[in-house]
């Protein structure tokens, strides 16, 4: 059975922004959501909100969707994860990604070379540092050199392992998830058909290389939800978001799988021309209905029940493009209202 989570979106500034995140997380916890997610960008951290959520909730899992693996050293990742897991009572999911090679270089000052190999090495070092209480950690690899010999006793973490999920789209990162990670953080463009096909194939290929059951890898999807009493506006919001992603060649395989390659070419040209109206028009109804949920608030719970199998967990988000903070907050509230109905129906 698919579990659900939402993003801890905060509004305002100063302490109030964190208070609104915690308030939303408590409502998600009460509604029966299994996880609340935070993210980071060039101006926001994922881990600071996670600490606020850990202190303000009691049972819901708290995950990063995503935090930048290259943004901290392995030692600091292990230290922050230990503290967060202790603060939350063992409820942290560490969701890591690299971003694009250009982001790795321009934002984090590291080479964008071989991001999947870098992630695999990071996970290996993190797992060793999680066991630092057992003795020194010495690692000399392609991307990381770590030598930590504690001079005092290191407390035992409250869990023997922390779940680490990684973001992946290309085949090498998907195989890395199959070999090394506890879960895969999918992309908002991932469809159930794409997950059941290419995604699971690559995860299985990676898992087989280490004689691992691919079912051990939790597959998380991210479903964009445009919810408004004006359904045409909701569908336009969904189409605009799809268009922003579709212009990238990263998703060519997905569009080919669904028979949308010709439409994708039109979207890509509209993006080059910076013609927003043409871009929105080029996104087909089939794309909107397959990739997103776009509906009235009263229809949302029923729409959740129609999501095809393929995901172990779904993070339901407002479209990440084109909405104001107020619109994003309103959509997130509508998502939570629909989830409350859907989850109560499942339990009855």
C-alpha atoms as a PDB file:
ATOM      1  CA  UNK A   1       0.000   0.000   0.000  1.00  0.00           C
ATOM      2  CA  UNK A   2       1.292   3.445  -0.928  1.00  0.00           C
ATOM      3  CA  UNK A   3       2.032   5.800   1.946  1.00  0.00           C
ATOM      4  CA  UNK A   4       1.823   9.563   1.617  1.00  0.00           C
ATOM      5  CA  UNK A   5       3.673  12.654   2.700  1.00  0.00           C
ATOM      6  CA  UNK A   6       3.619  16.387   2.064  1.00  0.00           C
ATOM      7  CA  UNK A   7       6.173  19.179   1.961  1.00  0.00           C
ATOM      8  CA  UNK A   8       6.636  21.336   5.045  1.00  0.00           C
ATOM      9  CA  UNK A   9       6.050  24.619   3.282  1.00  0.00           C
ATOM     10  CA  UNK A  10       6.399  27.674   5.500  1.00  0.00           C
ATOM     11  CA  UNK A  11       5.155  31.207   4.885  1.00  0.00           C
ATOM     12  CA  UNK A  12       6.337  34.533   6.175  1.00  0.00           C
ATOM     13  CA  UNK A  13       9.798  35.282   7.495  1.00  0.00           C
ATOM     14  CA  UNK A  14      11.704  35.003  10.734  1.00  0.00           C
ATOM     15  CA  UNK A  15      10.577  32.519  13.391  1.00  0.00           C
ATOM     16  CA  UNK A  16       7.063  32.571  11.974  1.00  0.00           C
ATOM     17  CA  UNK A  17       8.154  30.708   8.857  1.00  0.00           C
ATOM     18  CA  UNK A  18       9.287  27.764  10.968  1.00  0.00           C
ATOM     19  CA  UNK A  19       6.149  27.927  13.100  1.00  0.00           C
ATOM     20  CA  UNK A  20       3.968  27.527  10.013  1.00  0.00           C
ATOM     21  CA  UNK A  21       6.058  24.528   8.938  1.00  0.00           C
ATOM     22  CA  UNK A  22       5.597  22.862  12.314  1.00  0.00           C
ATOM     23  CA  UNK A  23       1.862  23.636  12.325  1.00  0.00           C
ATOM     24  CA  UNK A  24       1.500  21.990   8.912  1.00  0.00           C
ATOM     25  CA  UNK A  25       3.557  18.985  10.031  1.00  0.00           C
ATOM     26  CA  UNK A  26       1.336  18.463  13.072  1.00  0.00           C
ATOM     27  CA  UNK A  27      -1.755  18.514  10.851  1.00  0.00           C
ATOM     28  CA  UNK A  28      -0.101  15.991   8.529  1.00  0.00           C
ATOM     29  CA  UNK A  29       0.729  13.801  11.509  1.00  0.00           C
ATOM     30  CA  UNK A  30      -2.850  13.949  12.766  1.00  0.00           C
ATOM     31  CA  UNK A  31      -4.181  13.158   9.291  1.00  0.00           C
ATOM     32  CA  UNK A  32      -2.141   9.966   9.072  1.00  0.00           C
ATOM     33  CA  UNK A  33       0.652  11.015   6.724  1.00  0.00           C
ATOM     34  CA  UNK A  34       3.739   8.871   7.112  1.00  0.00           C
ATOM     35  CA  UNK A  35       6.284  11.608   6.342  1.00  0.00           C
ATOM     36  CA  UNK A  36       6.867  15.327   6.163  1.00  0.00           C
ATOM     37  CA  UNK A  37       9.532  16.554   3.729  1.00  0.00           C
ATOM     38  CA  UNK A  38      11.870  19.533   3.536  1.00  0.00           C
ATOM     39  CA  UNK A  39      14.114  20.666   0.719  1.00  0.00           C
ATOM     40  CA  UNK A  40      16.990  23.023   0.150  1.00  0.00           C
ATOM     41  CA  UNK A  41      18.144  25.340  -2.591  1.00  0.00           C
ATOM     42  CA  UNK A  42      20.771  28.060  -2.898  1.00  0.00           C
ATOM     43  CA  UNK A  43      19.088  30.139  -0.176  1.00  0.00           C
ATOM     44  CA  UNK A  44      17.515  27.564   2.165  1.00  0.00           C
ATOM     45  CA  UNK A  45      18.762  24.611   4.203  1.00  0.00           C
ATOM     46  CA  UNK A  46      16.897  21.323   4.551  1.00  0.00           C
ATOM     47  CA  UNK A  47      18.373  20.324   7.887  1.00  0.00           C
ATOM     48  CA  UNK A  48      17.467  23.411   9.957  1.00  0.00           C
ATOM     49  CA  UNK A  49      13.726  22.974   9.255  1.00  0.00           C
ATOM     50  CA  UNK A  50      14.126  19.254   9.971  1.00  0.00           C
ATOM     51  CA  UNK A  51      15.318  20.153  13.458  1.00  0.00           C
ATOM     52  CA  UNK A  52      12.276  22.391  14.001  1.00  0.00           C
ATOM     53  CA  UNK A  53       9.968  19.623  12.775  1.00  0.00           C
ATOM     54  CA  UNK A  54      11.683  17.058  14.997  1.00  0.00           C
ATOM     55  CA  UNK A  55      11.019  19.198  18.048  1.00  0.00           C
ATOM     56  CA  UNK A  56       7.433  19.973  17.077  1.00  0.00           C
ATOM     57  CA  UNK A  57       6.100  16.511  16.148  1.00  0.00           C
ATOM     58  CA  UNK A  58       6.074  13.107  17.782  1.00  0.00           C
ATOM     59  CA  UNK A  59       5.503  10.281  15.289  1.00  0.00           C
ATOM     60  CA  UNK A  60       5.724  11.374  11.657  1.00  0.00           C
ATOM     61  CA  UNK A  61       8.906  10.611   9.728  1.00  0.00           C
ATOM     62  CA  UNK A  62      10.973  13.643   8.731  1.00  0.00           C
ATOM     63  CA  UNK A  63      12.872  13.536   5.465  1.00  0.00           C
ATOM     64  CA  UNK A  64      14.947  15.750   3.209  1.00  0.00           C
ATOM     65  CA  UNK A  65      13.655  15.929  -0.347  1.00  0.00           C
ATOM     66  CA  UNK A  66      16.351  16.637  -1.122  1.00  0.00           C
ATOM     67  CA  UNK A  67      19.467  17.908   0.595  1.00  0.00           C
ATOM     68  CA  UNK A  68      22.638  18.327  -1.429  1.00  0.00           C
ATOM     69  CA  UNK A  69      25.046  15.495  -0.818  1.00  0.00           C
ATOM     70  CA  UNK A  70      27.921  17.620  -2.091  1.00  0.00           C
ATOM     71  CA  UNK A  71      26.913  20.544   0.113  1.00  0.00           C
ATOM     72  CA  UNK A  72      28.502  19.171   3.296  1.00  0.00           C
ATOM     73  CA  UNK A  73      31.460  16.954   4.017  1.00  0.00           C
ATOM     74  CA  UNK A  74      30.726  13.309   4.869  1.00  0.00           C
ATOM     75  CA  UNK A  75      31.742  14.004   8.471  1.00  0.00           C
ATOM     76  CA  UNK A  76      29.282  16.885   8.837  1.00  0.00           C
ATOM     77  CA  UNK A  77      26.526  14.884   7.161  1.00  0.00           C
ATOM     78  CA  UNK A  78      27.058  12.061   9.638  1.00  0.00           C
ATOM     79  CA  UNK A  79      27.168  14.472  12.591  1.00  0.00           C
ATOM     80  CA  UNK A  80      24.024  16.355  11.557  1.00  0.00           C
ATOM     81  CA  UNK A  81      22.179  13.115  10.837  1.00  0.00           C
ATOM     82  CA  UNK A  82      23.090  11.731  14.279  1.00  0.00           C
ATOM     83  CA  UNK A  83      21.788  14.858  15.998  1.00  0.00           C
ATOM     84  CA  UNK A  84      18.607  15.005  13.935  1.00  0.00           C
ATOM     85  CA  UNK A  85      17.870  11.340  14.479  1.00  0.00           C
ATOM     86  CA  UNK A  86      18.426  11.709  18.212  1.00  0.00           C
ATOM     87  CA  UNK A  87      16.274  14.832  18.388  1.00  0.00           C
ATOM     88  CA  UNK A  88      13.424  13.135  16.510  1.00  0.00           C
ATOM     89  CA  UNK A  89      13.617   9.839  18.363  1.00  0.00           C
ATOM     90  CA  UNK A  90      14.710   7.911  15.266  1.00  0.00           C
ATOM     91  CA  UNK A  91      12.387   9.398  12.640  1.00  0.00           C
ATOM     92  CA  UNK A  92      14.829  10.834  10.087  1.00  0.00           C
ATOM     93  CA  UNK A  93      15.088   9.838   6.425  1.00  0.00           C
ATOM     94  CA  UNK A  94      18.204  11.318   4.869  1.00  0.00           C
ATOM     95  CA  UNK A  95      17.300  12.129   1.272  1.00  0.00           C
ATOM     96  CA  UNK A  96      20.366  13.190  -0.707  1.00  0.00           C
ATOM     97  CA  UNK A  97      20.968  14.353  -4.246  1.00  0.00           C
ATOM     98  CA  UNK A  98      23.710  16.093  -6.178  1.00  0.00           C
ATOM     99  CA  UNK A  99      21.743  18.372  -8.445  1.00  0.00           C
ATOM    100  CA  UNK A 100      22.993  18.806 -11.981  1.00  0.00           C
ATOM    101  CA  UNK A 101      26.732  18.812 -12.788  1.00  0.00           C
ATOM    102  CA  UNK A 102      26.458  22.563 -13.402  1.00  0.00           C
ATOM    103  CA  UNK A 103      24.915  23.074  -9.942  1.00  0.00           C
ATOM    104  CA  UNK A 104      27.644  20.946  -8.373  1.00  0.00           C
ATOM    105  CA  UNK A 105      30.294  23.151  -9.928  1.00  0.00           C
ATOM    106  CA  UNK A 106      28.693  26.606  -9.696  1.00  0.00           C
ATOM    107  CA  UNK A 107      26.931  26.261  -6.337  1.00  0.00           C
ATOM    108  CA  UNK A 108      29.150  23.892  -4.389  1.00  0.00           C
ATOM    109  CA  UNK A 109      32.552  24.320  -5.948  1.00  0.00           C
ATOM    110  CA  UNK A 110      33.133  20.652  -6.723  1.00  0.00           C
ATOM    111  CA  UNK A 111      33.608  18.861  -9.998  1.00  0.00           C
ATOM    112  CA  UNK A 112      30.457  17.756 -11.789  1.00  0.00           C
ATOM    113  CA  UNK A 113      32.285  14.660 -12.958  1.00  0.00           C
ATOM    114  CA  UNK A 114      30.664  11.255 -12.391  1.00  0.00           C
ATOM    115  CA  UNK A 115      27.882  12.289  -9.960  1.00  0.00           C
ATOM    116  CA  UNK A 116      26.653   8.708  -9.497  1.00  0.00           C
ATOM    117  CA  UNK A 117      30.116   7.465  -8.546  1.00  0.00           C
ATOM    118  CA  UNK A 118      30.476  10.382  -6.132  1.00  0.00           C
ATOM    119  CA  UNK A 119      27.132   9.537  -4.519  1.00  0.00           C
ATOM    120  CA  UNK A 120      28.054   5.865  -4.161  1.00  0.00           C
ATOM    121  CA  UNK A 121      31.275   6.810  -2.403  1.00  0.00           C
ATOM    122  CA  UNK A 122      29.506   9.311  -0.155  1.00  0.00           C
ATOM    123  CA  UNK A 123      27.053   6.646   0.989  1.00  0.00           C
ATOM    124  CA  UNK A 124      29.868   4.234   1.787  1.00  0.00           C
ATOM    125  CA  UNK A 125      31.677   6.842   3.875  1.00  0.00           C
ATOM    126  CA  UNK A 126      28.480   7.944   5.634  1.00  0.00           C
ATOM    127  CA  UNK A 127      27.692   4.392   6.665  1.00  0.00           C
ATOM    128  CA  UNK A 128      31.200   3.989   8.068  1.00  0.00           C
ATOM    129  CA  UNK A 129      30.975   7.281   9.977  1.00  0.00           C
ATOM    130  CA  UNK A 130      27.605   6.230  11.412  1.00  0.00           C
ATOM    131  CA  UNK A 131      29.573   3.458  13.142  1.00  0.00           C
ATOM    132  CA  UNK A 132      32.293   5.794  14.400  1.00  0.00           C
ATOM    133  CA  UNK A 133      31.593   4.568  17.929  1.00  0.00           C
ATOM    134  CA  UNK A 134      33.109   1.236  16.834  1.00  0.00           C
ATOM    135  CA  UNK A 135      36.475   2.759  15.957  1.00  0.00           C
ATOM    136  CA  UNK A 136      38.398   5.039  13.580  1.00  0.00           C
ATOM    137  CA  UNK A 137      37.299   5.584   9.995  1.00  0.00           C
ATOM    138  CA  UNK A 138      39.942   5.760   7.284  1.00  0.00           C
ATOM    139  CA  UNK A 139      38.957   6.262   3.676  1.00  0.00           C
ATOM    140  CA  UNK A 140      40.901   7.409   0.625  1.00  0.00           C
ATOM    141  CA  UNK A 141      38.740   7.396  -2.476  1.00  0.00           C
ATOM    142  CA  UNK A 142      38.198   9.141  -5.768  1.00  0.00           C
ATOM    143  CA  UNK A 143      36.208  12.022  -4.277  1.00  0.00           C
ATOM    144  CA  UNK A 144      36.660  11.852  -0.515  1.00  0.00           C
ATOM    145  CA  UNK A 145      39.591  11.489   1.832  1.00  0.00           C
ATOM    146  CA  UNK A 146      38.434  10.981   5.416  1.00  0.00           C
ATOM    147  CA  UNK A 147      40.551  10.034   8.427  1.00  0.00           C
ATOM    148  CA  UNK A 148      38.786  10.321  11.772  1.00  0.00           C
ATOM    149  CA  UNK A 149      40.259   8.785  14.918  1.00  0.00           C
ATOM    150  CA  UNK A 150      38.122   9.812  17.915  1.00  0.00           C
ATOM    151  CA  UNK A 151      40.022  11.033  20.966  1.00  0.00           C
ATOM    152  CA  UNK A 152      37.092  10.296  23.284  1.00  0.00           C
ATOM    153  CA  UNK A 153      34.188   7.870  23.410  1.00  0.00           C
ATOM    154  CA  UNK A 154      31.629   8.432  20.661  1.00  0.00           C
ATOM    155  CA  UNK A 155      28.002   7.932  21.733  1.00  0.00           C
ATOM    156  CA  UNK A 156      26.175   5.072  20.065  1.00  0.00           C
ATOM    157  CA  UNK A 157      23.516   6.384  17.668  1.00  0.00           C
ATOM    158  CA  UNK A 158      19.943   5.634  18.684  1.00  0.00           C
ATOM    159  CA  UNK A 159      19.513   3.476  15.567  1.00  0.00           C
ATOM    160  CA  UNK A 160      22.113   1.081  14.176  1.00  0.00           C
ATOM    161  CA  UNK A 161      21.485   2.541  10.695  1.00  0.00           C
ATOM    162  CA  UNK A 162      19.816   5.611   9.273  1.00  0.00           C
ATOM    163  CA  UNK A 163      17.771   5.250   6.080  1.00  0.00           C
ATOM    164  CA  UNK A 164      19.443   7.043   3.182  1.00  0.00           C
ATOM    165  CA  UNK A 165      17.425   7.653   0.031  1.00  0.00           C
ATOM    166  CA  UNK A 166      19.020   9.196  -3.035  1.00  0.00           C
ATOM    167  CA  UNK A 167      17.558  11.223  -5.877  1.00  0.00           C
ATOM    168  CA  UNK A 168      18.045   9.702  -9.281  1.00  0.00           C
ATOM    169  CA  UNK A 169      16.882  10.126 -12.864  1.00  0.00           C
ATOM    170  CA  UNK A 170      19.627   8.749 -15.096  1.00  0.00           C
ATOM    171  CA  UNK A 171      20.495   5.074 -15.265  1.00  0.00           C
ATOM    172  CA  UNK A 172      23.746   5.308 -13.327  1.00  0.00           C
ATOM    173  CA  UNK A 173      22.148   7.005 -10.333  1.00  0.00           C
ATOM    174  CA  UNK A 174      19.257   4.526 -10.421  1.00  0.00           C
ATOM    175  CA  UNK A 175      21.749   1.658 -10.372  1.00  0.00           C
ATOM    176  CA  UNK A 176      23.544   3.347  -7.480  1.00  0.00           C
ATOM    177  CA  UNK A 177      20.247   3.375  -5.588  1.00  0.00           C
ATOM    178  CA  UNK A 178      19.892  -0.338  -6.257  1.00  0.00           C
ATOM    179  CA  UNK A 179      23.388  -1.076  -4.993  1.00  0.00           C
ATOM    180  CA  UNK A 180      23.788   1.280  -2.053  1.00  0.00           C
ATOM    181  CA  UNK A 181      20.649   3.189  -0.991  1.00  0.00           C
ATOM    182  CA  UNK A 182      17.632   2.396   1.147  1.00  0.00           C
ATOM    183  CA  UNK A 183      15.328   4.316  -1.146  1.00  0.00           C
ATOM    184  CA  UNK A 184      15.007   6.270  -4.368  1.00  0.00           C
ATOM    185  CA  UNK A 185      13.658   9.812  -4.345  1.00  0.00           C
ATOM    186  CA  UNK A 186      11.929  10.018  -7.698  1.00  0.00           C
ATOM    187  CA  UNK A 187      11.205  13.106  -9.747  1.00  0.00           C
ATOM    188  CA  UNK A 188       7.921  14.988 -10.234  1.00  0.00           C
ATOM    189  CA  UNK A 189       7.985  13.847 -13.863  1.00  0.00           C
ATOM    190  CA  UNK A 190       8.098  10.142 -12.947  1.00  0.00           C
ATOM    191  CA  UNK A 191       4.945   8.300 -13.960  1.00  0.00           C
ATOM    192  CA  UNK A 192       3.840   4.951 -12.573  1.00  0.00           C
ATOM    193  CA  UNK A 193       4.542   3.350 -15.963  1.00  0.00           C
ATOM    194  CA  UNK A 194       8.035   4.794 -16.067  1.00  0.00           C
ATOM    195  CA  UNK A 195       8.737   3.544 -12.533  1.00  0.00           C
ATOM    196  CA  UNK A 196       7.430   0.050 -13.262  1.00  0.00           C
ATOM    197  CA  UNK A 197       9.578  -0.036 -16.406  1.00  0.00           C
ATOM    198  CA  UNK A 198      12.950   1.738 -16.763  1.00  0.00           C
ATOM    199  CA  UNK A 199      13.306   2.791 -13.111  1.00  0.00           C
ATOM    200  CA  UNK A 200      12.756  -0.658 -11.618  1.00  0.00           C
ATOM    201  CA  UNK A 201      14.874  -2.240 -14.347  1.00  0.00           C
ATOM    202  CA  UNK A 202      17.892  -0.081 -13.485  1.00  0.00           C
ATOM    203  CA  UNK A 203      17.400  -0.482  -9.721  1.00  0.00           C
ATOM    204  CA  UNK A 204      17.218  -4.249 -10.182  1.00  0.00           C
ATOM    205  CA  UNK A 205      20.379  -4.199 -12.288  1.00  0.00           C
ATOM    206  CA  UNK A 206      22.249  -2.364  -9.555  1.00  0.00           C
ATOM    207  CA  UNK A 207      20.869  -4.604  -6.809  1.00  0.00           C
ATOM    208  CA  UNK A 208      21.777  -7.798  -8.627  1.00  0.00           C
ATOM    209  CA  UNK A 209      25.389  -6.658  -8.749  1.00  0.00           C
ATOM    210  CA  UNK A 210      25.601  -6.993  -4.967  1.00  0.00           C
ATOM    211  CA  UNK A 211      23.164  -9.908  -4.658  1.00  0.00           C
ATOM    212  CA  UNK A 212      20.536  -7.692  -3.093  1.00  0.00           C
ATOM    213  CA  UNK A 213      16.760  -7.883  -3.314  1.00  0.00           C
ATOM    214  CA  UNK A 214      15.640  -4.785  -5.276  1.00  0.00           C
ATOM    215  CA  UNK A 215      12.455  -4.755  -3.181  1.00  0.00           C
ATOM    216  CA  UNK A 216      14.625  -3.470  -0.324  1.00  0.00           C
ATOM    217  CA  UNK A 217      14.795  -0.113  -2.123  1.00  0.00           C
ATOM    218  CA  UNK A 218      11.795   2.073  -1.286  1.00  0.00           C
ATOM    219  CA  UNK A 219      10.594   3.940  -4.367  1.00  0.00           C
ATOM    220  CA  UNK A 220       9.296   7.401  -3.603  1.00  0.00           C
ATOM    221  CA  UNK A 221       7.401   9.452  -6.143  1.00  0.00           C
ATOM    222  CA  UNK A 222       6.652  13.145  -6.157  1.00  0.00           C
ATOM    223  CA  UNK A 223       3.211  13.994  -7.523  1.00  0.00           C
ATOM    224  CA  UNK A 224       2.445  17.584  -8.510  1.00  0.00           C
ATOM    225  CA  UNK A 225      -1.085  18.537  -7.476  1.00  0.00           C
ATOM    226  CA  UNK A 226      -2.849  21.591  -8.918  1.00  0.00           C
ATOM    227  CA  UNK A 227      -6.071  22.078  -6.956  1.00  0.00           C
ATOM    228  CA  UNK A 228      -8.513  24.877  -7.631  1.00  0.00           C
ATOM    229  CA  UNK A 229     -12.254  25.356  -8.024  1.00  0.00           C
ATOM    230  CA  UNK A 230     -11.345  26.782 -11.424  1.00  0.00           C
ATOM    231  CA  UNK A 231     -10.290  23.497 -13.075  1.00  0.00           C
ATOM    232  CA  UNK A 232      -8.978  25.234 -16.196  1.00  0.00           C
ATOM    233  CA  UNK A 233      -6.633  27.296 -14.020  1.00  0.00           C
ATOM    234  CA  UNK A 234      -5.536  24.156 -12.184  1.00  0.00           C
ATOM    235  CA  UNK A 235      -4.764  22.402 -15.474  1.00  0.00           C
ATOM    236  CA  UNK A 236      -2.870  25.433 -16.724  1.00  0.00           C
ATOM    237  CA  UNK A 237      -0.743  25.419 -13.551  1.00  0.00           C
ATOM    238  CA  UNK A 238      -0.003  21.730 -14.073  1.00  0.00           C
ATOM    239  CA  UNK A 239       0.807  22.256 -17.754  1.00  0.00           C
ATOM    240  CA  UNK A 240       3.175  25.118 -16.996  1.00  0.00           C
ATOM    241  CA  UNK A 241       5.079  23.008 -14.460  1.00  0.00           C
ATOM    242  CA  UNK A 242       5.319  20.051 -16.831  1.00  0.00           C
ATOM    243  CA  UNK A 243       6.603  22.367 -19.538  1.00  0.00           C
ATOM    244  CA  UNK A 244       9.464  23.609 -17.389  1.00  0.00           C
ATOM    245  CA  UNK A 245      10.732  20.069 -16.920  1.00  0.00           C
ATOM    246  CA  UNK A 246       9.875  18.739 -20.379  1.00  0.00           C
ATOM    247  CA  UNK A 247      12.254  21.157 -22.063  1.00  0.00           C
ATOM    248  CA  UNK A 248      15.195  19.209 -20.586  1.00  0.00           C
ATOM    249  CA  UNK A 249      16.624  16.210 -22.429  1.00  0.00           C
ATOM    250  CA  UNK A 250      16.911  14.397 -19.099  1.00  0.00           C
ATOM    251  CA  UNK A 251      13.302  13.242 -19.544  1.00  0.00           C
ATOM    252  CA  UNK A 252      13.520  12.145 -23.190  1.00  0.00           C
ATOM    253  CA  UNK A 253      13.218   8.471 -22.240  1.00  0.00           C
ATOM    254  CA  UNK A 254      10.029   9.098 -20.291  1.00  0.00           C
ATOM    255  CA  UNK A 255       8.445  11.039 -23.149  1.00  0.00           C
ATOM    256  CA  UNK A 256       9.432   8.339 -25.605  1.00  0.00           C
ATOM    257  CA  UNK A 257       7.908   5.627 -23.381  1.00  0.00           C
ATOM    258  CA  UNK A 258       4.557   7.431 -23.408  1.00  0.00           C
ATOM    259  CA  UNK A 259       4.653   8.363 -27.098  1.00  0.00           C
ATOM    260  CA  UNK A 260       5.005  12.082 -26.352  1.00  0.00           C
ATOM    261  CA  UNK A 261       8.306  12.791 -28.136  1.00  0.00           C
ATOM    262  CA  UNK A 262       6.791  14.983 -30.873  1.00  0.00           C
ATOM    263  CA  UNK A 263       4.911  17.031 -28.288  1.00  0.00           C
ATOM    264  CA  UNK A 264       8.082  17.352 -26.237  1.00  0.00           C
ATOM    265  CA  UNK A 265       9.869  18.854 -29.252  1.00  0.00           C
ATOM    266  CA  UNK A 266       7.149  21.509 -29.516  1.00  0.00           C
ATOM    267  CA  UNK A 267       7.446  22.255 -25.793  1.00  0.00           C
ATOM    268  CA  UNK A 268      11.218  22.532 -26.098  1.00  0.00           C
ATOM    269  CA  UNK A 269      10.945  25.017 -28.953  1.00  0.00           C
ATOM    270  CA  UNK A 270       8.402  27.089 -27.023  1.00  0.00           C
ATOM    271  CA  UNK A 271      10.806  27.143 -24.074  1.00  0.00           C
ATOM    272  CA  UNK A 272      13.611  28.346 -26.361  1.00  0.00           C
ATOM    273  CA  UNK A 273      11.316  31.060 -27.698  1.00  0.00           C
ATOM    274  CA  UNK A 274      10.236  31.958 -24.161  1.00  0.00           C
ATOM    275  CA  UNK A 275       6.660  31.683 -25.359  1.00  0.00           C
ATOM    276  CA  UNK A 276       4.720  30.733 -22.242  1.00  0.00           C
ATOM    277  CA  UNK A 277       1.371  30.431 -23.995  1.00  0.00           C
ATOM    278  CA  UNK A 278       2.792  28.116 -26.664  1.00  0.00           C
ATOM    279  CA  UNK A 279       4.486  26.036 -24.008  1.00  0.00           C
ATOM    280  CA  UNK A 280       1.274  25.568 -22.031  1.00  0.00           C
ATOM    281  CA  UNK A 281      -0.698  24.727 -25.188  1.00  0.00           C
ATOM    282  CA  UNK A 282       1.872  22.096 -26.196  1.00  0.00           C
ATOM    283  CA  UNK A 283       1.390  20.141 -22.955  1.00  0.00           C
ATOM    284  CA  UNK A 284      -1.321  17.601 -23.763  1.00  0.00           C
ATOM    285  CA  UNK A 285      -4.243  16.534 -21.599  1.00  0.00           C
ATOM    286  CA  UNK A 286      -2.717  13.053 -21.465  1.00  0.00           C
ATOM    287  CA  UNK A 287       0.481  14.460 -19.952  1.00  0.00           C
ATOM    288  CA  UNK A 288      -1.447  16.430 -17.348  1.00  0.00           C
ATOM    289  CA  UNK A 289      -3.594  13.443 -16.365  1.00  0.00           C
ATOM    290  CA  UNK A 290      -0.650  11.017 -16.257  1.00  0.00           C
ATOM    291  CA  UNK A 291       1.994  13.145 -14.549  1.00  0.00           C
ATOM    292  CA  UNK A 292      -0.072  15.329 -12.217  1.00  0.00           C
ATOM    293  CA  UNK A 293      -3.374  15.643 -10.408  1.00  0.00           C
ATOM    294  CA  UNK A 294      -5.336  18.692 -11.536  1.00  0.00           C
ATOM    295  CA  UNK A 295      -8.836  19.011 -10.117  1.00  0.00           C
ATOM    296  CA  UNK A 296     -11.271  20.775  -7.798  1.00  0.00           C
ATOM    297  CA  UNK A 297     -10.714  20.394  -4.036  1.00  0.00           C
ATOM    298  CA  UNK A 298     -13.794  18.187  -3.651  1.00  0.00           C
ATOM    299  CA  UNK A 299     -12.423  15.805  -6.299  1.00  0.00           C
ATOM    300  CA  UNK A 300      -8.933  15.396  -4.871  1.00  0.00           C
ATOM    301  CA  UNK A 301      -9.538  12.481  -2.479  1.00  0.00           C
ATOM    302  CA  UNK A 302     -11.079  10.409  -5.271  1.00  0.00           C
ATOM    303  CA  UNK A 303      -8.178  11.317  -7.562  1.00  0.00           C
ATOM    304  CA  UNK A 304      -5.733   9.937  -5.004  1.00  0.00           C
ATOM    305  CA  UNK A 305      -7.527   6.606  -5.061  1.00  0.00           C
ATOM    306  CA  UNK A 306      -6.977   6.382  -8.827  1.00  0.00           C
ATOM    307  CA  UNK A 307      -3.174   6.750  -8.771  1.00  0.00           C
ATOM    308  CA  UNK A 308      -1.712   3.611 -10.408  1.00  0.00           C
ATOM    309  CA  UNK A 309       0.500   1.239  -8.452  1.00  0.00           C
ATOM    310  CA  UNK A 310       4.245   1.651  -8.687  1.00  0.00           C
ATOM    311  CA  UNK A 311       5.214   3.917  -5.811  1.00  0.00           C
ATOM    312  CA  UNK A 312       5.891   2.823  -2.237  1.00  0.00           C
ATOM    313  CA  UNK A 313       5.593   6.402  -1.017  1.00  0.00           C
ATOM    314  CA  UNK A 314       4.245   9.569  -2.646  1.00  0.00           C
ATOM    315  CA  UNK A 315       5.178  13.090  -1.661  1.00  0.00           C
ATOM    316  CA  UNK A 316       2.305  15.310  -2.776  1.00  0.00           C
ATOM    317  CA  UNK A 317       3.394  18.833  -3.695  1.00  0.00           C
ATOM    318  CA  UNK A 318       2.010  21.991  -5.225  1.00  0.00           C
ATOM    319  CA  UNK A 319       3.408  22.709  -8.697  1.00  0.00           C
ATOM    320  CA  UNK A 320       6.901  24.086  -8.020  1.00  0.00           C
ATOM    321  CA  UNK A 321       6.719  26.618 -10.859  1.00  0.00           C
ATOM    322  CA  UNK A 322       4.503  29.645 -11.300  1.00  0.00           C
ATOM    323  CA  UNK A 323       2.697  29.802  -7.939  1.00  0.00           C
ATOM    324  CA  UNK A 324       3.022  32.508  -5.304  1.00  0.00           C
ATOM    325  CA  UNK A 325       3.773  31.548  -1.706  1.00  0.00           C
ATOM    326  CA  UNK A 326       0.130  32.134  -0.840  1.00  0.00           C
ATOM    327  CA  UNK A 327      -1.045  29.902  -3.692  1.00  0.00           C
ATOM    328  CA  UNK A 328       1.431  27.209  -2.720  1.00  0.00           C
ATOM    329  CA  UNK A 329       0.260  27.325   0.891  1.00  0.00           C
ATOM    330  CA  UNK A 330      -3.406  27.134  -0.170  1.00  0.00           C
ATOM    331  CA  UNK A 331      -2.690  24.186  -2.468  1.00  0.00           C
ATOM    332  CA  UNK A 332      -0.768  22.402   0.274  1.00  0.00           C
ATOM    333  CA  UNK A 333      -3.722  22.859   2.627  1.00  0.00           C
ATOM    334  CA  UNK A 334      -6.057  21.438  -0.019  1.00  0.00           C
ATOM    335  CA  UNK A 335      -3.701  18.485  -0.478  1.00  0.00           C
ATOM    336  CA  UNK A 336      -3.824  17.815   3.239  1.00  0.00           C
ATOM    337  CA  UNK A 337      -7.621  18.083   3.354  1.00  0.00           C
ATOM    338  CA  UNK A 338      -7.944  15.522   0.561  1.00  0.00           C
ATOM    339  CA  UNK A 339      -5.358  13.243   2.128  1.00  0.00           C
ATOM    340  CA  UNK A 340      -7.257  13.275   5.411  1.00  0.00           C
ATOM    341  CA  UNK A 341     -10.357  11.997   3.608  1.00  0.00           C
ATOM    342  CA  UNK A 342      -8.448   9.461   1.524  1.00  0.00           C
ATOM    343  CA  UNK A 343      -6.517   8.014   4.460  1.00  0.00           C
ATOM    344  CA  UNK A 344      -9.582   7.775   6.681  1.00  0.00           C
ATOM    345  CA  UNK A 345     -11.392   5.908   3.893  1.00  0.00           C
ATOM    346  CA  UNK A 346      -8.485   3.472   3.522  1.00  0.00           C
ATOM    347  CA  UNK A 347      -8.537   2.729   7.244  1.00  0.00           C
ATOM    348  CA  UNK A 348     -12.302   2.152   7.440  1.00  0.00           C
END
